[in-house]
Protein backbone atom coordinates (compact mmCIF):
# COMPACT_ATOMS: atom_id res chain seq x y z
CA MET A 1 79.19 20.94 -43.48
CA SER A 2 82.31 20.25 -41.50
CA ARG A 3 85.62 20.24 -43.37
CA ILE A 4 86.84 17.27 -41.37
CA GLY A 5 83.51 15.47 -41.65
CA LYS A 6 83.50 15.65 -45.47
CA GLN A 7 86.69 13.59 -45.75
CA PRO A 8 86.15 9.83 -46.17
CA VAL A 9 87.74 7.32 -43.80
CA GLN A 10 89.85 4.72 -45.63
CA MET A 11 89.61 1.18 -44.24
CA PRO A 12 92.89 -0.78 -44.25
CA THR A 13 92.87 -4.49 -45.04
CA GLY A 14 91.87 -6.63 -42.09
CA VAL A 15 89.58 -3.97 -40.59
CA SER A 16 85.80 -4.18 -40.88
CA LEU A 17 83.11 -1.67 -39.95
CA GLU A 18 79.56 -2.77 -39.24
CA LYS A 19 76.59 -0.48 -38.71
CA LYS A 20 74.01 -1.98 -36.36
CA ALA A 21 70.44 -1.03 -35.60
CA GLY A 22 70.04 1.65 -32.97
CA GLY A 23 72.82 3.80 -34.38
CA GLU A 24 75.79 1.72 -33.23
CA VAL A 25 78.97 1.36 -35.26
CA VAL A 26 81.34 -1.54 -34.50
CA VAL A 27 84.90 -1.57 -35.85
CA LYS A 28 86.81 -4.88 -35.72
CA GLY A 29 90.46 -5.44 -36.49
CA PRO A 30 93.59 -7.34 -35.46
CA LYS A 31 94.10 -5.27 -32.27
CA GLY A 32 90.53 -5.61 -30.98
CA GLU A 33 87.00 -4.34 -31.32
CA LEU A 34 85.61 -0.86 -30.58
CA MET A 35 82.04 0.47 -30.58
CA ILE A 36 80.45 3.92 -30.75
CA THR A 37 76.82 5.06 -30.61
CA LEU A 38 76.02 7.67 -33.25
CA ARG A 39 74.29 10.95 -32.52
CA PRO A 40 70.85 11.30 -34.16
CA GLU A 41 72.13 14.21 -36.31
CA VAL A 42 74.70 12.15 -38.24
CA ASP A 43 74.64 9.05 -40.43
CA VAL A 44 77.36 6.65 -41.62
CA THR A 45 77.51 4.89 -44.98
CA VAL A 46 79.95 2.08 -45.75
CA ASP A 47 81.10 1.51 -49.34
CA LYS A 48 83.64 -1.34 -49.66
CA GLN A 49 86.82 0.12 -48.10
CA THR A 50 85.54 3.67 -47.57
CA VAL A 51 83.38 5.11 -44.81
CA GLN A 52 81.54 8.40 -45.32
CA VAL A 53 79.96 10.39 -42.48
CA SER A 54 77.07 12.69 -43.42
CA THR A 55 74.48 14.84 -41.68
CA LYS A 56 70.80 14.04 -41.86
CA PRO A 57 68.55 16.42 -43.82
CA GLY A 58 67.81 19.71 -42.10
CA GLY A 59 70.99 19.56 -40.08
CA GLU A 60 72.72 22.87 -40.72
CA ALA A 61 72.92 24.03 -37.12
CA ARG A 62 76.32 24.75 -35.63
CA ALA A 63 76.09 21.78 -33.24
CA THR A 64 75.23 19.45 -36.12
CA ARG A 65 78.33 20.51 -38.04
CA ALA A 66 80.41 19.95 -34.91
CA TYR A 67 78.98 16.44 -34.40
CA HIS A 68 79.65 15.72 -38.08
CA GLY A 69 83.39 16.38 -37.71
CA LEU A 70 83.55 14.76 -34.26
CA THR A 71 81.94 11.54 -35.48
CA ARG A 72 84.31 11.30 -38.44
CA ALA A 73 87.34 11.87 -36.17
CA LEU A 74 86.14 9.25 -33.67
CA ILE A 75 85.55 6.65 -36.40
CA ASN A 76 88.97 7.41 -37.92
CA ASN A 77 90.61 6.95 -34.49
CA MET A 78 88.75 3.66 -34.01
CA VAL A 79 89.92 2.37 -37.41
CA GLU A 80 93.51 3.41 -36.72
CA GLY A 81 93.36 1.95 -33.21
CA VAL A 82 92.19 -1.53 -34.21
CA HIS A 83 94.70 -1.54 -37.09
CA ARG A 84 97.90 -0.10 -35.52
CA GLY A 85 97.02 0.80 -31.91
CA PHE A 86 98.03 3.82 -29.86
CA GLU A 87 100.93 4.30 -27.47
CA LYS A 88 101.95 6.77 -24.77
CA ARG A 89 105.33 6.77 -23.06
CA LEU A 90 106.04 8.14 -19.59
CA GLU A 91 109.33 8.59 -17.75
CA ILE A 92 109.92 8.77 -14.02
CA GLN A 93 112.54 11.14 -12.64
CA GLY A 94 113.55 11.03 -9.01
CA VAL A 95 116.14 9.20 -6.92
CA GLY A 96 114.83 5.76 -6.00
CA TRP A 97 111.54 6.22 -7.85
CA ASN A 98 110.45 3.36 -10.10
CA ALA A 99 107.53 1.45 -11.59
CA ALA A 100 106.77 -2.24 -12.07
CA ALA A 101 104.01 -3.69 -14.23
CA ALA A 102 102.45 -7.03 -13.36
CA GLY A 103 99.50 -8.18 -15.46
CA LYS A 104 96.77 -5.53 -15.49
CA LYS A 105 98.32 -3.57 -12.58
CA ILE A 106 101.18 -1.13 -12.25
CA THR A 107 102.98 -0.43 -8.98
CA LEU A 108 104.57 3.00 -8.60
CA ASN A 109 107.19 3.72 -5.93
CA ILE A 110 107.26 7.50 -6.17
CA GLY A 111 108.23 8.88 -2.80
CA PHE A 112 105.10 8.10 -0.77
CA ASN A 113 105.18 5.91 2.35
CA LYS A 114 103.30 3.16 0.48
CA PRO A 115 103.54 2.08 -3.17
CA VAL A 116 100.73 3.32 -5.45
CA VAL A 117 98.96 0.42 -7.22
CA LEU A 118 96.79 1.28 -10.23
CA GLU A 119 94.43 -1.05 -12.13
CA MET A 120 94.43 -0.74 -15.95
CA PRO A 121 91.22 -0.54 -18.01
CA LYS A 122 90.22 -3.62 -20.03
CA ASN A 123 91.63 -2.54 -23.44
CA VAL A 124 94.85 -1.00 -22.11
CA THR A 125 98.14 -2.80 -21.51
CA VAL A 126 101.08 -1.40 -19.61
CA ALA A 127 104.75 -2.37 -19.79
CA THR A 128 107.87 -1.22 -17.96
CA PRO A 129 110.95 -1.97 -20.09
CA SER A 130 113.11 -0.23 -17.49
CA PRO A 131 112.22 0.79 -13.92
CA THR A 132 111.94 4.46 -14.90
CA SER A 133 109.93 4.17 -18.14
CA ILE A 134 106.30 3.21 -18.69
CA ILE A 135 104.69 2.30 -22.03
CA ILE A 136 100.90 2.34 -22.26
CA THR A 137 99.32 0.75 -25.37
CA GLY A 138 95.84 -0.10 -26.61
CA PRO A 139 93.37 0.28 -29.47
CA ASP A 140 91.25 2.99 -27.81
CA ARG A 141 92.95 6.39 -28.09
CA GLN A 142 90.85 7.95 -25.35
CA ALA A 143 91.50 5.13 -22.87
CA VAL A 144 95.27 5.17 -23.54
CA GLY A 145 95.50 8.95 -23.09
CA ASN A 146 93.30 8.91 -19.99
CA THR A 147 95.37 6.13 -18.40
CA ALA A 148 98.61 8.02 -19.10
CA ALA A 149 97.13 11.19 -17.58
CA THR A 150 95.95 9.26 -14.51
CA ILE A 151 99.43 7.83 -13.93
CA ARG A 152 101.09 11.24 -14.50
CA LYS A 153 98.62 12.89 -12.10
CA ARG A 154 99.91 10.78 -9.18
CA ARG A 155 103.20 12.75 -9.18
CA PRO A 156 103.33 15.52 -11.83
CA PRO A 157 106.77 17.01 -12.50
CA GLU A 158 107.64 19.83 -10.14
CA PRO A 159 109.54 22.89 -11.38
CA TYR A 160 112.30 23.13 -8.76
CA LYS A 161 114.11 19.79 -8.95
CA GLY A 162 112.26 18.31 -11.93
CA LYS A 163 111.16 15.20 -10.01
CA GLY A 164 107.96 13.48 -11.05
CA ILE A 165 106.28 11.51 -13.81
CA ARG A 166 106.32 13.17 -17.22
CA TYR A 167 105.52 12.31 -20.82
CA GLU A 168 108.54 11.23 -22.84
CA GLY A 169 110.07 14.34 -24.39
CA GLU A 170 108.07 16.73 -22.19
CA ILE A 171 110.04 19.80 -21.21
CA VAL A 172 109.52 21.03 -17.66
CA LYS A 173 110.35 24.68 -17.19
CA ARG A 174 112.67 24.91 -14.19
CA LYS A 175 112.52 27.65 -11.58
CA ALA A 176 115.30 29.00 -9.41
CA GLY A 177 114.93 28.17 -5.76
CA LYS A 178 115.06 30.66 -2.93
CA SER A 179 118.38 32.42 -2.68
CA PHE A 180 119.98 33.21 0.63
CA GLY A 181 120.59 36.91 1.09
CA SER A 182 122.83 38.27 3.80
């Protein structure tokens, strides 16, 4: 059995988990609702405020143990997401570079001849408290991280001047430029 998979998931107040037919698990909370389809190798049991993930009989293969831990981690992330939510922060560095959020879209002015406009997924919200900082929030950890990576990918930080979009607190290793030799 997986060490992670053996640990129970504690349900905070205000969060409910429902197991449906067909192997679907739905988690509802104040921040939204998330759903996952279970693998056939694992099973979920709900006991009041505790969720336990277990393998089905005869499941001692390496892949089964991996799915055991993966399923428990995904359910734990879903519970935490609908209870507290997840957040990623990005910063923009570059002269004249900025971002503006409007509804479900973000407009990035990052040195191209046209602004880059990106549409946000349905469970993800984006905010720009200042023109050079972006905050991405939502209940789905994977969607929040993927959205942050998509925005960062438009202009990753470059090592010579440090310009680009980076995660808050990310350290970019700087390189020396070409030196003129005479």
